[in-house]
Amino acid sequence: MKKRLYLELENCIGCRSCLAACTQCGGHEERNRNYVYDVNPLVDRQTMPLMCLHCVNPACARSCPAQAIQIHETGAVLSALVEKCIGCQNCTIACPYGIPKFDTEQNLMYKCDLCIDRSKDGIPPMCASVCPTNTLQWLTDEEIEQKQNKFNLDNGKWVTSMPYLEGETNVKVNLPGILQGISKLY
């Protein structure tokens, strides 16, 4: 049964255990491929993890002239293949979330790949396996639907697709608390 990374952003306490775990995933060469941002620095302590949403029709892959960014059969959008990446950095510009990073020494793009060595076998990505507050969870679509029904959100702030992307993402995000906090700023 297919599982997806599910994020409940309002649970994040900023411990950054997901970052430490990410560096330990096979093939990551001790490099972070996800991030934890302070939502309102100097105002409150709200943080949120940000990683690749593994878009169904990813802008990063579409923008790559060398077709170096592959989509795994599980839906995970992978980092650029070493033998194909020409270092043009189109992917870093095309991603609306700013997720792909470019290593100038290796002349190569890298990003979250959902710990494909684990997730292809149904094992949670490292970030989800260590999150102490269940901000990051590895769930089936049925489990995600149960959570949505349980919360019965009045504001409907479930992100299942992004308006500027074609189609859906393979990562589901629950935003209610974060959006309320951000909306106070504007």
Protein backbone atom coordinates (compact mmCIF):
# COMPACT_ATOMS: atom_id res chain seq x y z
CA MET A 1 0.00 0.00 0.00
CA LYS A 2 1.41 3.37 -1.03
CA LYS A 3 2.48 5.68 1.75
CA ARG A 4 3.09 9.41 1.68
CA LEU A 5 4.96 11.83 3.84
CA TYR A 6 2.35 13.74 5.85
CA LEU A 7 3.18 16.99 7.64
CA GLU A 8 1.30 18.52 10.57
CA LEU A 9 3.20 21.78 10.65
CA GLU A 10 1.69 23.14 13.84
CA ASN A 11 3.29 20.28 15.81
CA CYS A 12 6.87 21.34 14.99
CA ILE A 13 8.89 22.34 18.07
CA GLY A 14 12.06 23.20 16.18
CA CYS A 15 14.15 20.36 17.61
CA ARG A 16 15.74 19.76 14.19
CA SER A 17 16.02 16.01 14.73
CA CYS A 18 14.74 15.63 11.16
CA LEU A 19 17.81 17.51 9.92
CA ALA A 20 20.20 15.32 11.87
CA ALA A 21 18.45 12.16 10.65
CA CYS A 22 18.50 13.37 7.04
CA THR A 23 22.28 13.53 7.05
CA GLN A 24 22.40 9.87 8.12
CA CYS A 25 20.29 8.53 5.24
CA GLY A 26 22.16 6.39 2.72
CA GLY A 27 23.56 8.36 -0.19
CA HIS A 28 23.07 11.78 1.42
CA GLU A 29 26.79 12.21 2.09
CA GLU A 30 26.02 13.83 5.47
CA ARG A 31 24.22 16.68 3.68
CA ASN A 32 20.87 18.11 4.84
CA ARG A 33 18.20 17.78 2.21
CA ASN A 34 15.40 19.32 4.24
CA TYR A 35 15.15 22.50 6.28
CA VAL A 36 13.52 23.90 9.41
CA TYR A 37 12.46 27.53 9.19
CA ASP A 38 11.53 30.00 11.90
CA VAL A 39 8.09 31.32 10.91
CA ASN A 40 8.19 34.59 12.88
CA PRO A 41 11.75 35.12 14.10
CA LEU A 42 12.03 37.42 17.12
CA VAL A 43 8.22 37.23 17.56
CA ASP A 44 7.57 33.65 18.59
CA ARG A 45 9.12 30.20 18.48
CA GLN A 46 6.98 28.70 15.71
CA THR A 47 9.05 26.62 13.32
CA MET A 48 8.15 24.45 10.37
CA PRO A 49 9.97 21.80 8.40
CA LEU A 50 10.29 22.28 4.68
CA MET A 51 11.27 19.58 2.26
CA CYS A 52 10.53 18.62 -1.29
CA LEU A 53 6.79 18.06 -1.86
CA HIS A 54 7.54 15.51 -4.60
CA CYS A 55 5.17 17.10 -7.10
CA VAL A 56 3.37 14.79 -9.49
CA ASN A 57 4.46 17.03 -12.37
CA PRO A 58 7.63 18.61 -10.90
CA ALA A 59 8.84 21.94 -12.27
CA CYS A 60 12.44 20.99 -11.42
CA ALA A 61 12.32 17.89 -13.65
CA ARG A 62 10.47 19.70 -16.44
CA SER A 63 13.10 22.45 -16.50
CA CYS A 64 16.09 20.09 -16.75
CA PRO A 65 17.44 20.04 -20.32
CA ALA A 66 19.52 16.93 -19.61
CA GLN A 67 16.66 14.95 -18.00
CA ALA A 68 18.90 14.40 -14.98
CA ILE A 69 16.01 14.52 -12.48
CA GLN A 70 14.10 11.26 -12.46
CA ILE A 71 10.79 10.35 -10.85
CA HIS A 72 10.86 7.00 -9.05
CA GLU A 73 7.95 4.59 -9.54
CA THR A 74 6.88 5.43 -5.96
CA GLY A 75 6.41 9.09 -6.91
CA ALA A 76 9.58 10.35 -5.24
CA VAL A 77 11.36 13.03 -7.26
CA LEU A 78 15.05 12.16 -7.04
CA SER A 79 18.18 14.30 -6.92
CA ALA A 80 19.98 14.87 -10.21
CA LEU A 81 21.88 11.92 -11.63
CA VAL A 82 25.63 12.55 -11.48
CA GLU A 83 26.21 11.26 -14.99
CA LYS A 84 23.51 13.49 -16.52
CA CYS A 85 23.54 16.78 -14.57
CA ILE A 86 25.17 19.55 -16.60
CA GLY A 87 25.12 22.09 -13.76
CA CYS A 88 22.77 24.58 -15.44
CA GLN A 89 20.81 25.10 -12.18
CA ASN A 90 17.48 25.45 -14.01
CA CYS A 91 15.93 23.18 -11.39
CA THR A 92 16.87 25.51 -8.53
CA ILE A 93 15.17 28.41 -10.31
CA ALA A 94 12.10 26.45 -11.47
CA CYS A 95 11.10 25.04 -8.08
CA PRO A 96 8.53 27.41 -6.53
CA TYR A 97 9.60 26.28 -3.04
CA GLY A 98 13.35 26.81 -3.47
CA ILE A 99 14.08 23.23 -2.48
CA PRO A 100 16.80 22.00 -4.87
CA LYS A 101 20.26 23.14 -3.82
CA PHE A 102 23.35 23.23 -6.00
CA ASP A 103 26.76 21.99 -4.92
CA THR A 104 29.30 24.02 -6.89
CA GLU A 105 32.19 21.70 -5.99
CA GLN A 106 30.40 18.63 -7.35
CA ASN A 107 28.54 20.62 -10.03
CA LEU A 108 25.39 18.78 -9.00
CA MET A 109 21.87 19.47 -7.70
CA TYR A 110 20.67 17.70 -4.57
CA LYS A 111 17.32 17.64 -2.74
CA CYS A 112 15.12 15.43 -0.58
CA ASP A 113 14.51 12.07 -2.24
CA LEU A 114 12.29 10.67 0.56
CA CYS A 115 15.23 8.44 1.54
CA ILE A 116 14.40 6.35 -1.53
CA ASP A 117 16.64 3.51 -0.33
CA ARG A 118 14.18 3.12 2.58
CA SER A 119 10.84 4.41 1.31
CA LYS A 120 10.80 2.16 -1.78
CA ASP A 121 10.52 -0.75 0.66
CA GLY A 122 7.80 0.92 2.78
CA ILE A 123 10.22 2.05 5.49
CA PRO A 124 9.65 5.66 6.59
CA PRO A 125 12.15 8.32 5.51
CA MET A 126 14.66 9.12 8.22
CA CYS A 127 13.01 12.47 9.06
CA ALA A 128 9.64 10.84 9.75
CA SER A 129 11.17 7.98 11.71
CA VAL A 130 12.75 10.31 14.30
CA CYS A 131 10.25 13.18 14.64
CA PRO A 132 9.26 13.27 18.35
CA THR A 133 6.06 15.31 17.81
CA ASN A 134 4.66 13.52 14.74
CA THR A 135 5.08 16.64 12.64
CA LEU A 136 6.42 14.29 9.96
CA GLN A 137 4.54 11.02 9.50
CA TRP A 138 4.63 8.19 6.94
CA LEU A 139 0.98 7.32 6.27
CA THR A 140 -1.31 5.61 3.76
CA ASP A 141 -3.93 7.66 1.93
CA GLU A 142 -6.57 6.05 4.15
CA GLU A 143 -4.76 7.13 7.30
CA ILE A 144 -4.45 10.66 5.93
CA GLU A 145 -8.16 10.73 5.13
CA GLN A 146 -8.97 9.57 8.68
CA LYS A 147 -6.86 12.43 10.07
CA GLN A 148 -8.63 14.92 7.82
CA ASN A 149 -12.02 13.63 8.94
CA LYS A 150 -10.96 13.60 12.59
CA PHE A 151 -9.93 17.25 12.51
CA ASN A 152 -12.92 18.24 10.34
CA LEU A 153 -11.28 21.54 9.54
CA ASP A 154 -13.65 24.48 9.12
CA ASN A 155 -11.14 26.46 7.09
CA GLY A 156 -10.31 23.59 4.71
CA LYS A 157 -6.61 24.40 4.79
CA TRP A 158 -5.40 21.04 3.53
CA VAL A 159 -2.80 21.36 0.84
CA THR A 160 -3.27 18.66 -1.77
CA SER A 161 -2.12 20.68 -4.73
CA MET A 162 -0.42 24.01 -5.25
CA PRO A 163 -2.14 26.62 -7.42
CA TYR A 164 0.95 27.31 -9.51
CA LEU A 165 1.75 23.66 -10.14
CA GLU A 166 -0.06 21.33 -12.45
CA GLY A 167 -1.60 18.57 -10.39
CA GLU A 168 -1.07 17.13 -7.00
CA THR A 169 1.90 16.60 -4.71
CA ASN A 170 3.01 13.33 -3.15
CA VAL A 171 3.42 14.99 0.25
CA LYS A 172 0.33 16.10 2.20
CA VAL A 173 0.47 19.12 4.47
CA ASN A 174 -1.88 20.21 7.30
CA LEU A 175 -1.59 24.01 7.59
CA PRO A 176 -4.31 25.43 9.89
CA GLY A 177 -2.24 26.70 12.82
CA ILE A 178 0.59 27.97 10.66
CA LEU A 179 -1.74 29.88 8.34
CA GLN A 180 -3.47 31.53 11.27
CA GLY A 181 -0.11 32.65 12.64
CA ILE A 182 1.08 33.94 9.30
CA SER A 183 -2.19 35.70 8.52
CA LYS A 184 -1.71 37.86 11.63
CA LEU A 185 1.37 39.34 10.00
CA TYR A 186 -0.49 40.70 6.97
